[in-house]
Amino acid sequence: MVLIGLLRPALPITGTTPLLCRLAAVCHRSRVAAAAMAGLTTTPFAAAQIGGFLWRKPYAPPSWASHLSPMPSHTYSLGHFPTPIHKWNLPNLPEGTEVWIKRDDLSGMQLSGNKVRKLEFLMEDAVAQGADCIITVGGVQSNHCRATAVAAKYLNLDCYLILRTSKLLVDKDPGLVGNLLVERLVGAHIDLVSKEEYGKVGSVAKGIGYAMNTAEELKFVKDIAAATGIVLDPVYSGKAAYGMLKDMAANPAKWKGRKVLFIHTGGLLGLYDKVDSLSSLAGSWRRMELEDSVPRKDGTGKMF
């Protein structure tokens, strides 16, 4: 489970861990003063932006969600919606089965994936409550944490990320790979915690463990990319599609003639954490051999 913490100015933090208390003390500052320094109004993005991006707008729930309470009154427009749906030409489907794919991986570049959908509500709530900082927790290559860091900076909020890593790496620089590169570029504050320390709080491991993959699962991600051009992430969509096709192969009668909508939740940057395991599966390369029999004339065929 992923948690987001919202810190309000002059509001004491009670009943929480020493780590969060320390972070709260470090990040507490005046949002109004920071907005003034940046030349912004105290109500960020009060007016609609061109095209509606970063626009705080009233929220009208769909009919199927109208009974929920409490209902958000506003939201920030952070993603590019609606995302497209198209037919997914997966190999070896049961007879008459069609699979369509909802491309939430195209909801944006830095904020790609379905994470932006919840952040549109959470960020609006943070600003409305006068928060000046966002704290959240995730794996060292968490797509959620990367999206949160970007969304926070869009709205002039500080962001603190508590990232789980191995016991051997908790005291070392986490590097600039994948999601970490984006998080550190946008200035998120990063605190590392070992998986063992995090496990004391309680976690349950969506296979062999969260964000961990078998060789067969990674080969599946590579094969699907090569067959269809759709790159799945190794944590969510890759495992989900792997399980779906495995069940289709084992129980074709159950799927025969059905139309399936698969939601791609994004997470491409998470694959950078798997480069060592993917190196033997990725496409090959070779040096191009050029014929020397045809002499090149001076001034022709030069690229630079």
Foldseek 3Di string as FASTA:
>chain_A
DKDKDFDAAPDDDPDDDPVVNVVNVVFHDALCVLCVVVVHHLQHQDDADVVRAQHKDADDDDPVCPPDPPDQGIFTRHWQDDADKDWFPDPPFFAQETEIERQQQVRDDQQGFPLVVVVRRVVVVSSVSRTQEMEMEEAPQDSNLSNNLVSCLVRNHAYEYEHEDAPVPQPDDPDCAQSNVSNVVSPHHYHYDYPVVVCVVPDDAVPPGALDDDLVLLLQQLVSCVVGVDHAASGPLSVVVVVVVVVCVVCVVVRHSYYHYHYRGHSPSNCRVVCVSCVVVDDDDDDDDDDPPDDDDPPPPDPD
